[in-house]
Structures are given as structure tokens and as C-alpha cells.
Amino acid sequence: MHVHSELLVTDLAKKARELRIQTLKMVFNAQSGHLGGSFSAAEIMAAAYFHHLRIRPKEPQWPDRDRLVVSKGHCAPIYYLALADAGFFPMEWLNSFRRLGTRLQGHPDRTKVPGVEVNSGPLGHGLSVGVGLALSGRVRRAPYGTYVLLGDGETQSGVVWEAAMAASKFRLEKLTAILDYNGVQLSGPVHEVMPIEPLRDKWEAFGWQVFEIDGHNVRQILDALDAVRGIHGKPSIIIAHTVKGKGVSFMEGNCAWHGKAPNQEQYEQALRELRNGDDR
């Protein structure tokens, strides 16, 4: 496994913090959008788009690019920011987030936004699309990897487990699911709404290689992403334990912040906390 430098880890942690800050600004300006699940995925997005993925932002349809399917499409704010910051489209577009007629709608649309692989919004379907992309790559002998970012609440959907069965049946070793396991969904804690544990046992029983990490620890994310490239004959899932609303005290673990914008006072407090946060 590649040993990642302290400088890289520190830079990606800073990038994650900056993504959170800019996401906060974007949602505040629009007075609409999802902060909780965007903040929980910040380190994952930073590690993916600014180090791990084989992509060419100036050539979004490069045939050999790695595919990242964002199945939890409500984290569109931080997704758009990562894409823009990586160079897929101008940063100025972000000012139009959720405005009438914008390209940057509340959920991503691949026909409007360069770098978006799949339209998402109806939860649960991303892994099935990922299976199709991975199968297509195998048929065409393409070198790309397929990654699917899942929310924990959406794994309550049966279609996720149908996809999990298919991926195992077809031994899709270039398919990796990343589960943003923040423990909170729209209406409350996941374990109260519909328990999903024991997650590791379930995915292993479905024939997947399982990695379990701290989803806010950049080094663990990078190591896991490296490790999946060495798995053969089966798909992999990285269960990333995260915190909903990470970095803002009154948002952390609070389902009320699944999808609402802060007022002026809340915005200013959140901005202070994010700016003063520690890089890890």
C-alpha cells in the first residue's frame, strides 16, 4: 500500500474544511440546500476529487476516467463545489445554486453539469447504476474504477441489496461503494427509523470485501481507497463512520439540519466554528 505524506494528508484536510465553508456560504445565499450530509462527506469528496480519482476535468467525458456516482444526491452543494474546484466548470456557476433556471439544481443533473456521472435524487438507485457502469467497463476492457457514494438511510431501500447481490454475482472487483455512515437521516437517527446494523456482517454475507474506517480521517480514507484496488474477484465497500453536520456544534448529529438553511446568526456562528476547526 502506498504511504501517503503528512503534507498530502494535511492539504486534503484543509481542502475538506474549505469545502465545508464554501458549502455553508452557498446554502446560506440560496436559503435552501442540504448541509448535514454535505458536511459529513467533506473528507471523502476531498480525497476522491483532489487525489484518488483518475479524471480529466477539462475532458469530462474521457472514456477511461474513473466514475463516481453520488447516490446520495442531496449532498449536491459539496458535490458541485468539489467539481468546480477541481476544474470541471467555472466557480462562478456556484452563485446560481438553486436559482430559477440554474444548471445547479437541488439534485445533480448530468445533462447540465460537467463531471456529474448520474442524475440522483430518488435514493437507493446509485449502486444499481454503478453495477451497470462496472459491467460496461468489463465488457469494453476499460481500465476505470467505479465508485458509489451511498447514504446510510438509503441502505434501507431494497434496491440497494438487489444491486449488492448482482455486484457479488458478477464479481465486480472494480466496483467500490463508499457508505457515508453518519447515523442520521431526514426524520431522525437511522437506528430508530429503520435499523441497518449489523452492516459489516450484512455486506460480507452478500459477498463484499468490507473496510471500516473513520470517514473524517483523511489518511484512513486514502489507505482504504488504495486497498480496494488490490481486491480481486469481489466488489468492495468502505464503511466510513462520519458525523452529520460535522464541524458545526449545533448541526452535528441533528436531523433538523438534514436539509435547511441557517439564518444570519446561525450562519455567522457556523462560519466561525468552521474557520477555527482543527485540521486532521
C-alpha atoms as a PDB file:
ATOM      1  CA  MET A   1       0.000   0.000   0.000  1.00  0.00           C
ATOM      2  CA  HIS A   2       1.244   3.494  -0.834  1.00  0.00           C
ATOM      3  CA  VAL A   3       2.388   5.542   2.151  1.00  0.00           C
ATOM      4  CA  HIS A   4       0.805   8.991   1.970  1.00  0.00           C
ATOM      5  CA  SER A   5       2.809  12.003   3.087  1.00  0.00           C
ATOM      6  CA  GLU A   6       1.842  14.201   6.014  1.00  0.00           C
ATOM      7  CA  LEU A   7       1.739  17.138   3.592  1.00  0.00           C
ATOM      8  CA  LEU A   8      -0.853  15.424   1.388  1.00  0.00           C
ATOM      9  CA  VAL A   9      -2.994  14.445   4.374  1.00  0.00           C
ATOM     10  CA  THR A  10      -2.840  17.976   5.783  1.00  0.00           C
ATOM     11  CA  ASP A  11      -3.626  19.563   2.411  1.00  0.00           C
ATOM     12  CA  LEU A  12      -6.669  17.331   1.885  1.00  0.00           C
ATOM     13  CA  ALA A  13      -7.927  18.022   5.418  1.00  0.00           C
ATOM     14  CA  LYS A  14      -7.658  21.747   4.662  1.00  0.00           C
ATOM     15  CA  LYS A  15      -9.457  21.193   1.386  1.00  0.00           C
ATOM     16  CA  ALA A  16     -12.300  19.430   3.219  1.00  0.00           C
ATOM     17  CA  ARG A  17     -12.618  22.340   5.627  1.00  0.00           C
ATOM     18  CA  GLU A  18     -12.690  24.817   2.748  1.00  0.00           C
ATOM     19  CA  LEU A  19     -15.359  22.741   1.007  1.00  0.00           C
ATOM     20  CA  ARG A  20     -17.485  22.937   4.162  1.00  0.00           C
ATOM     21  CA  ILE A  21     -17.034  26.705   4.421  1.00  0.00           C
ATOM     22  CA  GLN A  22     -17.959  27.314   0.793  1.00  0.00           C
ATOM     23  CA  THR A  23     -20.895  24.887   1.055  1.00  0.00           C
ATOM     24  CA  LEU A  24     -22.197  26.845   4.038  1.00  0.00           C
ATOM     25  CA  LYS A  25     -21.953  30.100   2.085  1.00  0.00           C
ATOM     26  CA  MET A  26     -23.673  28.614  -0.947  1.00  0.00           C
ATOM     27  CA  VAL A  27     -26.606  27.170   1.015  1.00  0.00           C
ATOM     28  CA  PHE A  28     -26.957  30.357   3.069  1.00  0.00           C
ATOM     29  CA  ASN A  29     -27.030  32.522  -0.062  1.00  0.00           C
ATOM     30  CA  ALA A  30     -29.627  30.284  -1.690  1.00  0.00           C
ATOM     31  CA  GLN A  31     -31.532  29.865   1.608  1.00  0.00           C
ATOM     32  CA  SER A  32     -32.026  26.267   0.507  1.00  0.00           C
ATOM     33  CA  GLY A  33     -29.983  23.073   0.433  1.00  0.00           C
ATOM     34  CA  HIS A  34     -28.601  20.186   2.450  1.00  0.00           C
ATOM     35  CA  LEU A  35     -25.775  20.897   4.887  1.00  0.00           C
ATOM     36  CA  GLY A  36     -25.789  17.881   7.231  1.00  0.00           C
ATOM     37  CA  GLY A  37     -24.963  15.224   4.658  1.00  0.00           C
ATOM     38  CA  SER A  38     -22.664  17.546   2.718  1.00  0.00           C
ATOM     39  CA  PHE A  39     -20.524  18.233   5.785  1.00  0.00           C
ATOM     40  CA  SER A  40     -20.293  14.527   6.677  1.00  0.00           C
ATOM     41  CA  ALA A  41     -18.897  13.728   3.209  1.00  0.00           C
ATOM     42  CA  ALA A  42     -16.307  16.532   3.010  1.00  0.00           C
ATOM     43  CA  GLU A  43     -13.162  14.457   3.601  1.00  0.00           C
ATOM     44  CA  ILE A  44     -14.418  11.739   1.267  1.00  0.00           C
ATOM     45  CA  MET A  45     -15.026  14.281  -1.510  1.00  0.00           C
ATOM     46  CA  ALA A  46     -11.651  15.933  -0.937  1.00  0.00           C
ATOM     47  CA  ALA A  47      -9.760  12.643  -1.050  1.00  0.00           C
ATOM     48  CA  ALA A  48     -11.648  11.482  -4.143  1.00  0.00           C
ATOM     49  CA  TYR A  49     -11.523  14.576  -6.349  1.00  0.00           C
ATOM     50  CA  PHE A  50      -8.184  16.029  -5.297  1.00  0.00           C
ATOM     51  CA  HIS A  51      -6.104  12.876  -5.115  1.00  0.00           C
ATOM     52  CA  HIS A  52      -7.554   9.459  -5.820  1.00  0.00           C
ATOM     53  CA  LEU A  53      -9.786   9.558  -8.896  1.00  0.00           C
ATOM     54  CA  ARG A  54      -8.298   9.285 -12.380  1.00  0.00           C
ATOM     55  CA  ILE A  55     -10.119  12.192 -14.023  1.00  0.00           C
ATOM     56  CA  ARG A  56      -9.550  14.947 -16.570  1.00  0.00           C
ATOM     57  CA  PRO A  57     -11.710  17.914 -15.557  1.00  0.00           C
ATOM     58  CA  LYS A  58     -11.142  19.650 -18.905  1.00  0.00           C
ATOM     59  CA  GLU A  59     -12.237  16.437 -20.640  1.00  0.00           C
ATOM     60  CA  PRO A  60     -15.265  15.324 -18.576  1.00  0.00           C
ATOM     61  CA  GLN A  61     -16.209  12.522 -20.959  1.00  0.00           C
ATOM     62  CA  TRP A  62     -12.728  10.999 -21.146  1.00  0.00           C
ATOM     63  CA  PRO A  63     -13.610   7.315 -21.747  1.00  0.00           C
ATOM     64  CA  ASP A  64     -11.063   5.927 -19.282  1.00  0.00           C
ATOM     65  CA  ARG A  65     -11.993   8.223 -16.372  1.00  0.00           C
ATOM     66  CA  ASP A  66     -12.939   6.758 -13.014  1.00  0.00           C
ATOM     67  CA  ARG A  67     -16.662   7.077 -12.358  1.00  0.00           C
ATOM     68  CA  LEU A  68     -18.007   8.433  -9.080  1.00  0.00           C
ATOM     69  CA  VAL A  69     -21.763   8.014  -8.724  1.00  0.00           C
ATOM     70  CA  VAL A  70     -23.140  10.254  -5.974  1.00  0.00           C
ATOM     71  CA  SER A  71     -26.178   8.213  -4.997  1.00  0.00           C
ATOM     72  CA  LYS A  72     -26.993  10.452  -2.015  1.00  0.00           C
ATOM     73  CA  GLY A  73     -27.767  13.278  -4.415  1.00  0.00           C
ATOM     74  CA  HIS A  74     -28.953  15.673  -1.722  1.00  0.00           C
ATOM     75  CA  CYS A  75     -25.293  16.389  -0.923  1.00  0.00           C
ATOM     76  CA  ALA A  76     -25.263  18.300  -4.213  1.00  0.00           C
ATOM     77  CA  PRO A  77     -23.837  21.502  -2.641  1.00  0.00           C
ATOM     78  CA  ILE A  78     -20.498  19.972  -1.679  1.00  0.00           C
ATOM     79  CA  TYR A  79     -20.538  17.810  -4.825  1.00  0.00           C
ATOM     80  CA  TYR A  80     -20.835  20.910  -7.036  1.00  0.00           C
ATOM     81  CA  LEU A  81     -18.114  22.657  -5.069  1.00  0.00           C
ATOM     82  CA  ALA A  82     -15.712  19.733  -5.453  1.00  0.00           C
ATOM     83  CA  LEU A  83     -16.387  19.566  -9.200  1.00  0.00           C
ATOM     84  CA  ALA A  84     -15.953  23.310  -9.691  1.00  0.00           C
ATOM     85  CA  ASP A  85     -12.825  23.465  -7.531  1.00  0.00           C
ATOM     86  CA  ALA A  86     -11.362  20.519  -9.451  1.00  0.00           C
ATOM     87  CA  GLY A  87     -11.935  22.438 -12.701  1.00  0.00           C
ATOM     88  CA  PHE A  88     -14.967  20.801 -14.295  1.00  0.00           C
ATOM     89  CA  PHE A  89     -16.832  24.106 -14.622  1.00  0.00           C
ATOM     90  CA  PRO A  90     -16.370  27.765 -13.603  1.00  0.00           C
ATOM     91  CA  MET A  91     -16.634  28.614  -9.922  1.00  0.00           C
ATOM     92  CA  GLU A  92     -18.982  31.480 -10.880  1.00  0.00           C
ATOM     93  CA  TRP A  93     -21.709  28.926 -11.582  1.00  0.00           C
ATOM     94  CA  LEU A  94     -21.945  28.293  -7.834  1.00  0.00           C
ATOM     95  CA  ASN A  95     -23.594  31.676  -7.345  1.00  0.00           C
ATOM     96  CA  SER A  96     -26.671  30.367  -9.159  1.00  0.00           C
ATOM     97  CA  PHE A  97     -27.172  27.323  -6.913  1.00  0.00           C
ATOM     98  CA  ARG A  98     -30.903  26.504  -6.652  1.00  0.00           C
ATOM     99  CA  ARG A  99     -31.902  29.672  -8.524  1.00  0.00           C
ATOM    100  CA  LEU A 100     -34.634  29.534 -11.158  1.00  0.00           C
ATOM    101  CA  GLY A 101     -33.170  28.294 -14.438  1.00  0.00           C
ATOM    102  CA  THR A 102     -29.827  27.283 -12.942  1.00  0.00           C
ATOM    103  CA  ARG A 103     -27.695  24.369 -14.077  1.00  0.00           C
ATOM    104  CA  LEU A 104     -27.019  23.644 -10.396  1.00  0.00           C
ATOM    105  CA  GLN A 105     -30.331  22.287  -9.239  1.00  0.00           C
ATOM    106  CA  GLY A 106     -31.112  20.868  -5.816  1.00  0.00           C
ATOM    107  CA  HIS A 107     -30.130  17.445  -7.105  1.00  0.00           C
ATOM    108  CA  PRO A 108     -27.464  16.886  -9.758  1.00  0.00           C
ATOM    109  CA  ASP A 109     -28.325  16.565 -13.459  1.00  0.00           C
ATOM    110  CA  ARG A 110     -25.701  15.042 -15.740  1.00  0.00           C
ATOM    111  CA  THR A 111     -27.123  16.826 -18.793  1.00  0.00           C
ATOM    112  CA  LYS A 112     -26.451  20.215 -17.191  1.00  0.00           C
ATOM    113  CA  VAL A 113     -23.323  19.821 -15.062  1.00  0.00           C
ATOM    114  CA  PRO A 114     -19.936  18.615 -16.387  1.00  0.00           C
ATOM    115  CA  GLY A 115     -18.483  15.909 -14.166  1.00  0.00           C
ATOM    116  CA  VAL A 116     -21.816  14.591 -12.913  1.00  0.00           C
ATOM    117  CA  GLU A 117     -22.000  10.938 -13.945  1.00  0.00           C
ATOM    118  CA  VAL A 118     -25.578  10.127 -12.989  1.00  0.00           C
ATOM    119  CA  ASN A 119     -28.743  12.029 -12.118  1.00  0.00           C
ATOM    120  CA  SER A 120     -29.556  11.340  -8.488  1.00  0.00           C
ATOM    121  CA  GLY A 121     -32.246  12.287  -6.057  1.00  0.00           C
ATOM    122  CA  PRO A 122     -34.543   9.267  -5.659  1.00  0.00           C
ATOM    123  CA  LEU A 123     -32.458   7.448  -3.064  1.00  0.00           C
ATOM    124  CA  GLY A 124     -31.249   3.880  -3.458  1.00  0.00           C
ATOM    125  CA  HIS A 125     -30.580   3.673  -7.188  1.00  0.00           C
ATOM    126  CA  GLY A 126     -26.941   4.704  -7.394  1.00  0.00           C
ATOM    127  CA  LEU A 127     -25.489   1.288  -6.609  1.00  0.00           C
ATOM    128  CA  SER A 128     -27.534  -0.325  -9.392  1.00  0.00           C
ATOM    129  CA  VAL A 129     -26.186   2.260 -11.837  1.00  0.00           C
ATOM    130  CA  GLY A 130     -22.708   1.562 -10.501  1.00  0.00           C
ATOM    131  CA  VAL A 131     -23.157  -2.140 -11.228  1.00  0.00           C
ATOM    132  CA  GLY A 132     -24.095  -1.273 -14.803  1.00  0.00           C
ATOM    133  CA  LEU A 133     -21.086   1.027 -15.231  1.00  0.00           C
ATOM    134  CA  ALA A 134     -18.733  -1.603 -13.823  1.00  0.00           C
ATOM    135  CA  LEU A 135     -20.188  -4.303 -16.095  1.00  0.00           C
ATOM    136  CA  SER A 136     -19.865  -1.982 -19.083  1.00  0.00           C
ATOM    137  CA  GLY A 137     -16.242  -1.361 -18.228  1.00  0.00           C
ATOM    138  CA  ARG A 138     -15.556  -5.068 -18.060  1.00  0.00           C
ATOM    139  CA  VAL A 139     -17.210  -5.751 -21.420  1.00  0.00           C
ATOM    140  CA  ARG A 140     -15.169  -2.979 -23.040  1.00  0.00           C
ATOM    141  CA  ARG A 141     -11.992  -3.960 -21.164  1.00  0.00           C
ATOM    142  CA  ALA A 142     -11.791  -0.389 -19.892  1.00  0.00           C
ATOM    143  CA  PRO A 143      -9.379   0.412 -17.051  1.00  0.00           C
ATOM    144  CA  TYR A 144     -11.636   2.656 -14.994  1.00  0.00           C
ATOM    145  CA  GLY A 145     -12.902   2.083 -11.486  1.00  0.00           C
ATOM    146  CA  THR A 146     -16.493   2.766 -10.430  1.00  0.00           C
ATOM    147  CA  TYR A 147     -17.238   4.323  -7.059  1.00  0.00           C
ATOM    148  CA  VAL A 148     -20.674   4.879  -5.492  1.00  0.00           C
ATOM    149  CA  LEU A 149     -21.213   7.262  -2.581  1.00  0.00           C
ATOM    150  CA  LEU A 150     -24.139   5.964  -0.517  1.00  0.00           C
ATOM    151  CA  GLY A 151     -26.026   7.485   2.377  1.00  0.00           C
ATOM    152  CA  ASP A 152     -26.782   5.238   5.324  1.00  0.00           C
ATOM    153  CA  GLY A 153     -30.518   5.987   5.244  1.00  0.00           C
ATOM    154  CA  GLU A 154     -30.759   4.888   1.647  1.00  0.00           C
ATOM    155  CA  THR A 155     -29.424   1.433   2.510  1.00  0.00           C
ATOM    156  CA  GLN A 156     -32.872   0.874   3.993  1.00  0.00           C
ATOM    157  CA  SER A 157     -34.027   0.554   0.356  1.00  0.00           C
ATOM    158  CA  GLY A 158     -34.366  -2.953  -1.045  1.00  0.00           C
ATOM    159  CA  VAL A 159     -32.923  -1.945  -4.410  1.00  0.00           C
ATOM    160  CA  VAL A 160     -29.540  -1.365  -2.737  1.00  0.00           C
ATOM    161  CA  TRP A 161     -29.412  -5.011  -1.705  1.00  0.00           C
ATOM    162  CA  GLU A 162     -30.503  -6.209  -5.150  1.00  0.00           C
ATOM    163  CA  ALA A 163     -27.539  -4.299  -6.536  1.00  0.00           C
ATOM    164  CA  ALA A 164     -25.306  -5.754  -3.836  1.00  0.00           C
ATOM    165  CA  MET A 165     -26.307  -9.262  -4.906  1.00  0.00           C
ATOM    166  CA  ALA A 166     -25.699  -8.516  -8.575  1.00  0.00           C
ATOM    167  CA  ALA A 167     -22.273  -6.987  -7.909  1.00  0.00           C
ATOM    168  CA  SER A 168     -21.251 -10.084  -5.979  1.00  0.00           C
ATOM    169  CA  LYS A 169     -22.648 -12.466  -8.610  1.00  0.00           C
ATOM    170  CA  PHE A 170     -20.667 -10.762 -11.359  1.00  0.00           C
ATOM    171  CA  ARG A 171     -17.537 -10.451  -9.190  1.00  0.00           C
ATOM    172  CA  LEU A 172     -17.206  -6.741  -9.913  1.00  0.00           C
ATOM    173  CA  GLU A 173     -13.802  -6.092  -8.396  1.00  0.00           C
ATOM    174  CA  LYS A 174     -13.619  -2.584  -9.904  1.00  0.00           C
ATOM    175  CA  LEU A 175     -16.796  -1.512  -8.091  1.00  0.00           C
ATOM    176  CA  THR A 176     -16.420   0.219  -4.735  1.00  0.00           C
ATOM    177  CA  ALA A 177     -19.238   1.547  -2.568  1.00  0.00           C
ATOM    178  CA  ILE A 178     -18.419   4.245  -0.008  1.00  0.00           C
ATOM    179  CA  LEU A 179     -21.014   4.467   2.745  1.00  0.00           C
ATOM    180  CA  ASP A 180     -21.286   7.855   4.450  1.00  0.00           C
ATOM    181  CA  TYR A 181     -22.390   6.397   7.773  1.00  0.00           C
ATOM    182  CA  ASN A 182     -23.388   9.496   9.730  1.00  0.00           C
ATOM    183  CA  GLY A 183     -26.200   7.753  11.607  1.00  0.00           C
ATOM    184  CA  VAL A 184     -28.869  10.393  10.950  1.00  0.00           C
ATOM    185  CA  GLN A 185     -31.484  10.708   8.226  1.00  0.00           C
ATOM    186  CA  LEU A 186     -34.216  13.226   7.432  1.00  0.00           C
ATOM    187  CA  SER A 187     -36.599  12.238  10.224  1.00  0.00           C
ATOM    188  CA  GLY A 188     -34.247  11.052  12.967  1.00  0.00           C
ATOM    189  CA  PRO A 189     -31.487   8.614  13.942  1.00  0.00           C
ATOM    190  CA  VAL A 190     -31.119   5.763  11.456  1.00  0.00           C
ATOM    191  CA  HIS A 191     -31.217   3.173  14.231  1.00  0.00           C
ATOM    192  CA  GLU A 192     -34.655   4.445  15.283  1.00  0.00           C
ATOM    193  CA  VAL A 193     -36.202   4.988  11.842  1.00  0.00           C
ATOM    194  CA  MET A 194     -35.125   1.597  10.467  1.00  0.00           C
ATOM    195  CA  PRO A 195     -32.040  -0.109  11.925  1.00  0.00           C
ATOM    196  CA  ILE A 196     -29.423  -1.175   9.371  1.00  0.00           C
ATOM    197  CA  GLU A 197     -26.955  -2.951  11.631  1.00  0.00           C
ATOM    198  CA  PRO A 198     -25.096  -5.282  11.591  1.00  0.00           C
ATOM    199  CA  LEU A 199     -23.740  -3.582   8.464  1.00  0.00           C
ATOM    200  CA  ARG A 200     -20.349  -5.268   8.209  1.00  0.00           C
ATOM    201  CA  ASP A 201     -21.897  -8.711   8.616  1.00  0.00           C
ATOM    202  CA  LYS A 202     -24.567  -7.974   6.005  1.00  0.00           C
ATOM    203  CA  TRP A 203     -22.160  -6.766   3.326  1.00  0.00           C
ATOM    204  CA  GLU A 204     -19.789  -9.655   4.000  1.00  0.00           C
ATOM    205  CA  ALA A 205     -22.729 -12.079   3.747  1.00  0.00           C
ATOM    206  CA  PHE A 206     -23.569 -10.525   0.370  1.00  0.00           C
ATOM    207  CA  GLY A 207     -20.045 -11.350  -0.819  1.00  0.00           C
ATOM    208  CA  TRP A 208     -18.372  -7.958  -0.492  1.00  0.00           C
ATOM    209  CA  GLN A 209     -14.943  -7.059   0.848  1.00  0.00           C
ATOM    210  CA  VAL A 210     -15.538  -4.672   3.758  1.00  0.00           C
ATOM    211  CA  PHE A 211     -13.294  -1.892   5.023  1.00  0.00           C
ATOM    212  CA  GLU A 212     -14.394   0.090   8.077  1.00  0.00           C
ATOM    213  CA  ILE A 213     -12.842   3.493   8.750  1.00  0.00           C
ATOM    214  CA  ASP A 214     -13.188   6.903  10.369  1.00  0.00           C
ATOM    215  CA  GLY A 215     -14.674   8.884   7.500  1.00  0.00           C
ATOM    216  CA  HIS A 216     -13.156  12.144   8.758  1.00  0.00           C
ATOM    217  CA  ASN A 217      -9.621  10.738   8.954  1.00  0.00           C
ATOM    218  CA  VAL A 218      -8.024  11.570   5.611  1.00  0.00           C
ATOM    219  CA  ARG A 219      -5.224   9.041   5.968  1.00  0.00           C
ATOM    220  CA  GLN A 220      -7.693   6.210   6.647  1.00  0.00           C
ATOM    221  CA  ILE A 221      -9.759   7.251   3.608  1.00  0.00           C
ATOM    222  CA  LEU A 222      -6.696   7.272   1.345  1.00  0.00           C
ATOM    223  CA  ASP A 223      -5.477   3.924   2.677  1.00  0.00           C
ATOM    224  CA  ALA A 224      -8.893   2.329   2.124  1.00  0.00           C
ATOM    225  CA  LEU A 225      -9.162   3.706  -1.410  1.00  0.00           C
ATOM    226  CA  ASP A 226      -5.710   2.282  -2.140  1.00  0.00           C
ATOM    227  CA  ALA A 227      -6.623  -1.072  -0.593  1.00  0.00           C
ATOM    228  CA  VAL A 228      -9.700  -1.646  -2.761  1.00  0.00           C
ATOM    229  CA  ARG A 229      -7.501  -1.571  -5.867  1.00  0.00           C
ATOM    230  CA  GLY A 230      -5.844  -4.714  -4.571  1.00  0.00           C
ATOM    231  CA  ILE A 231      -9.083  -6.688  -4.148  1.00  0.00           C
ATOM    232  CA  HIS A 232      -9.818  -9.326  -6.781  1.00  0.00           C
ATOM    233  CA  GLY A 233     -12.944 -11.319  -7.561  1.00  0.00           C
ATOM    234  CA  LYS A 234     -15.416  -9.318  -5.475  1.00  0.00           C
ATOM    235  CA  PRO A 235     -16.722  -5.776  -5.000  1.00  0.00           C
ATOM    236  CA  SER A 236     -15.660  -3.656  -2.024  1.00  0.00           C
ATOM    237  CA  ILE A 237     -17.413  -1.325   0.374  1.00  0.00           C
ATOM    238  CA  ILE A 238     -15.785   1.294   2.587  1.00  0.00           C
ATOM    239  CA  ILE A 239     -17.995   1.907   5.627  1.00  0.00           C
ATOM    240  CA  ALA A 240     -16.974   5.422   6.619  1.00  0.00           C
ATOM    241  CA  HIS A 241     -18.142   6.414  10.089  1.00  0.00           C
ATOM    242  CA  THR A 242     -18.933  10.118   9.958  1.00  0.00           C
ATOM    243  CA  VAL A 243     -20.802  12.870  11.813  1.00  0.00           C
ATOM    244  CA  LYS A 244     -23.861  14.536  10.323  1.00  0.00           C
ATOM    245  CA  GLY A 245     -23.220  18.285  10.150  1.00  0.00           C
ATOM    246  CA  LYS A 246     -19.533  17.762  11.010  1.00  0.00           C
ATOM    247  CA  GLY A 247     -17.706  20.890  12.142  1.00  0.00           C
ATOM    248  CA  VAL A 248     -20.656  22.929  13.408  1.00  0.00           C
ATOM    249  CA  SER A 249     -21.638  22.254  17.022  1.00  0.00           C
ATOM    250  CA  PHE A 250     -25.376  22.872  16.709  1.00  0.00           C
ATOM    251  CA  MET A 251     -25.649  20.861  13.486  1.00  0.00           C
ATOM    252  CA  GLU A 252     -23.694  17.756  14.489  1.00  0.00           C
ATOM    253  CA  GLY A 253     -25.933  14.700  14.834  1.00  0.00           C
ATOM    254  CA  ASN A 254     -29.080  16.809  14.493  1.00  0.00           C
ATOM    255  CA  CYS A 255     -31.649  15.667  11.927  1.00  0.00           C
ATOM    256  CA  ALA A 256     -33.106  19.189  11.840  1.00  0.00           C
ATOM    257  CA  TRP A 257     -30.057  20.140   9.768  1.00  0.00           C
ATOM    258  CA  HIS A 258     -30.559  17.454   7.156  1.00  0.00           C
ATOM    259  CA  GLY A 259     -31.935  19.973   4.692  1.00  0.00           C
ATOM    260  CA  LYS A 260     -32.426  23.531   5.845  1.00  0.00           C
ATOM    261  CA  ALA A 261     -30.542  26.805   5.538  1.00  0.00           C
ATOM    262  CA  PRO A 262     -29.239  28.799   8.522  1.00  0.00           C
ATOM    263  CA  ASN A 263     -30.405  32.272   9.433  1.00  0.00           C
ATOM    264  CA  GLN A 264     -27.895  35.141   9.701  1.00  0.00           C
ATOM    265  CA  GLU A 265     -26.945  34.437  13.321  1.00  0.00           C
ATOM    266  CA  GLN A 266     -26.600  30.697  12.751  1.00  0.00           C
ATOM    267  CA  TYR A 267     -24.584  31.309   9.597  1.00  0.00           C
ATOM    268  CA  GLU A 268     -22.116  33.567  11.391  1.00  0.00           C
ATOM    269  CA  GLN A 269     -21.642  31.095  14.240  1.00  0.00           C
ATOM    270  CA  ALA A 270     -21.206  28.170  11.823  1.00  0.00           C
ATOM    271  CA  LEU A 271     -18.682  30.126   9.779  1.00  0.00           C
ATOM    272  CA  ARG A 272     -16.651  30.956  12.892  1.00  0.00           C
ATOM    273  CA  GLU A 273     -16.619  27.328  14.016  1.00  0.00           C
ATOM    274  CA  LEU A 274     -15.600  26.013  10.608  1.00  0.00           C
ATOM    275  CA  ARG A 275     -12.830  28.580  10.241  1.00  0.00           C
ATOM    276  CA  ASN A 276     -11.469  27.773  13.696  1.00  0.00           C
ATOM    277  CA  GLY A 277     -11.702  23.995  13.250  1.00  0.00           C
ATOM    278  CA  ASP A 278      -8.627  21.803  13.570  1.00  0.00           C
ATOM    279  CA  ASP A 279      -7.091  20.175  10.500  1.00  0.00           C
ATOM    280  CA  ARG A 280      -6.695  16.460  10.996  1.00  0.00           C
END
